[in-house]
Amino acid sequence: MAQDKQEYKKANIEFLKAKRQENGVEHLSKGVLYKVLKQGEGKGMTTPGSVVSCYYKGSLINGKVFDNTFDQGYAEALRVRDLIDGFQIALLGMHIGDRWEVYIPSTVGYGEKKMGDIPGNSTLIFEIEVVAIV
């Protein structure tokens, strides 16, 4: 079992290493990576105290989806400072209308601990679309 966890951790690290080399993948702080899927108009400035209305889909490197607000038909309102560090880092760089695919290392995600269906040491992949910033 411990070997499986180490292999899983290594697979997630290797995934991020490969992602860093892909064309169009940009770097943010603390190892967070992103790819612009759609550029907004550059309006709105997110701060840690902002409430951001956004759609998002979260998945793991194996493609397993653990959360998807696109399917519910309405955006979620989230206070930036209440989110995991990696999600905050991404949102602080986004504007209204931006749609990014974001790759969050476990160190700024859920870390080594299992969170629901998300194993410890998981890279989190989020597709995020910002609809409004309050």
Protein backbone atom coordinates (compact mmCIF):
# COMPACT_ATOMS: atom_id res chain seq x y z
CA MET A 1 0.00 0.00 0.00
CA ALA A 2 2.77 2.46 0.91
CA GLN A 3 4.47 1.63 -2.41
CA ASP A 4 1.25 2.44 -4.29
CA LYS A 5 1.05 5.81 -2.55
CA GLN A 6 4.66 6.58 -3.47
CA GLU A 7 4.03 5.58 -7.09
CA TYR A 8 0.91 7.76 -7.17
CA LYS A 9 2.83 10.71 -5.75
CA LYS A 10 5.61 10.22 -8.33
CA ALA A 11 3.07 9.98 -11.19
CA ASN A 12 1.57 13.32 -10.13
CA ILE A 13 5.01 14.97 -9.95
CA GLU A 14 5.90 13.61 -13.40
CA PHE A 15 2.57 14.85 -14.78
CA LEU A 16 3.39 18.40 -13.69
CA LYS A 17 6.94 18.19 -15.06
CA ALA A 18 5.57 17.20 -18.46
CA LYS A 19 2.87 19.89 -18.32
CA ARG A 20 5.52 22.59 -17.69
CA GLN A 21 7.07 21.73 -21.06
CA GLU A 22 3.85 21.99 -23.09
CA ASN A 23 3.30 24.91 -25.45
CA GLY A 24 0.83 27.44 -24.08
CA VAL A 25 1.23 26.40 -20.45
CA GLU A 26 2.04 29.39 -18.24
CA HIS A 27 3.54 29.45 -14.74
CA LEU A 28 2.14 31.10 -11.61
CA SER A 29 3.55 31.11 -8.08
CA LYS A 30 4.08 27.96 -5.98
CA GLY A 31 4.14 25.66 -9.01
CA VAL A 32 0.61 26.38 -10.21
CA LEU A 33 0.35 26.10 -14.00
CA TYR A 34 -2.39 27.18 -16.38
CA LYS A 35 -3.44 27.22 -20.01
CA VAL A 36 -5.74 29.94 -21.37
CA LEU A 37 -8.78 28.36 -23.03
CA LYS A 38 -10.61 31.66 -23.54
CA GLN A 39 -9.41 35.21 -22.94
CA GLY A 40 -11.88 37.59 -21.29
CA GLU A 41 -11.89 41.33 -21.84
CA GLY A 42 -9.51 42.00 -18.95
CA LYS A 43 -12.27 43.48 -16.78
CA GLY A 44 -12.48 42.97 -13.03
CA MET A 45 -9.66 42.58 -10.52
CA THR A 46 -9.79 39.70 -8.06
CA THR A 47 -8.51 40.18 -4.50
CA PRO A 48 -8.40 37.68 -1.61
CA GLY A 49 -11.59 39.25 -0.22
CA SER A 50 -13.46 39.10 -3.52
CA VAL A 51 -16.45 36.87 -4.12
CA VAL A 52 -16.03 35.30 -7.53
CA SER A 53 -18.89 33.79 -9.48
CA CYS A 54 -17.46 31.01 -11.61
CA TYR A 55 -18.02 27.69 -13.23
CA TYR A 56 -15.45 24.99 -12.55
CA LYS A 57 -14.73 21.35 -13.15
CA GLY A 58 -12.20 19.52 -10.99
CA SER A 59 -10.46 16.34 -12.05
CA LEU A 60 -7.42 14.18 -11.31
CA ILE A 61 -4.56 13.26 -13.65
CA ASN A 62 -6.38 10.02 -14.55
CA GLY A 63 -9.37 12.06 -15.79
CA LYS A 64 -11.66 11.23 -12.86
CA VAL A 65 -13.97 14.21 -12.26
CA PHE A 66 -14.61 15.01 -8.59
CA ASP A 67 -16.66 18.20 -8.99
CA ASN A 68 -18.41 19.93 -11.89
CA THR A 69 -20.51 23.09 -11.69
CA PHE A 70 -20.78 23.39 -15.49
CA ASP A 71 -23.32 20.54 -15.31
CA GLN A 72 -25.53 22.24 -12.71
CA GLY A 73 -26.33 25.13 -15.04
CA TYR A 74 -25.37 27.98 -12.72
CA ALA A 75 -22.10 29.43 -11.48
CA GLU A 76 -20.90 29.05 -7.88
CA ALA A 77 -20.15 32.11 -5.75
CA LEU A 78 -16.86 31.58 -3.91
CA ARG A 79 -14.92 33.84 -1.54
CA VAL A 80 -11.35 33.69 -2.81
CA ARG A 81 -9.62 33.56 0.60
CA ASP A 82 -11.72 30.53 1.64
CA LEU A 83 -10.37 28.32 -1.15
CA ILE A 84 -7.29 26.09 -1.33
CA ASP A 85 -4.11 28.04 -2.03
CA GLY A 86 -3.71 26.83 -5.61
CA PHE A 87 -7.26 27.85 -6.57
CA GLN A 88 -6.65 31.27 -4.97
CA ILE A 89 -3.41 31.73 -6.92
CA ALA A 90 -5.23 31.04 -10.18
CA LEU A 91 -8.25 33.25 -9.45
CA LEU A 92 -6.03 36.19 -8.46
CA GLY A 93 -4.70 36.20 -12.03
CA MET A 94 -8.05 35.86 -13.77
CA HIS A 95 -10.52 38.43 -15.08
CA ILE A 96 -14.22 38.28 -15.99
CA GLY A 97 -14.69 36.09 -19.03
CA ASP A 98 -11.39 34.22 -18.66
CA ARG A 99 -11.55 30.44 -18.95
CA TRP A 100 -8.40 28.59 -17.89
CA GLU A 101 -7.30 25.03 -17.32
CA VAL A 102 -5.33 25.13 -14.07
CA TYR A 103 -2.91 22.49 -12.73
CA ILE A 104 -2.50 22.65 -8.96
CA PRO A 105 0.30 20.70 -7.24
CA SER A 106 -0.71 18.82 -4.11
CA THR A 107 1.48 21.16 -2.02
CA VAL A 108 -1.05 23.97 -2.65
CA GLY A 109 -4.04 21.65 -3.00
CA TYR A 110 -5.03 19.11 -0.36
CA GLY A 111 -1.49 17.95 0.43
CA GLU A 112 -0.81 14.41 1.58
CA LYS A 113 -4.24 13.83 3.10
CA LYS A 114 -7.16 12.21 1.35
CA MET A 115 -10.10 14.58 0.84
CA GLY A 116 -13.29 12.69 0.00
CA ASP A 117 -12.66 10.91 -3.31
CA ILE A 118 -9.39 12.77 -3.84
CA PRO A 119 -6.32 10.72 -2.82
CA GLY A 120 -3.46 12.36 -0.94
CA ASN A 121 -0.67 13.86 -3.10
CA SER A 122 -3.09 14.55 -5.97
CA THR A 123 -2.48 17.14 -8.63
CA LEU A 124 -5.79 18.94 -9.10
CA ILE A 125 -6.85 19.96 -12.58
CA PHE A 126 -9.52 22.64 -12.72
CA GLU A 127 -11.23 24.20 -15.70
CA ILE A 128 -12.36 27.58 -14.38
CA GLU A 129 -14.50 30.24 -16.05
CA VAL A 130 -14.95 33.55 -14.21
CA VAL A 131 -18.43 35.06 -14.71
CA ALA A 132 -18.39 37.92 -12.19
CA ILE A 133 -16.22 39.45 -9.46
CA VAL A 134 -17.77 41.24 -6.47
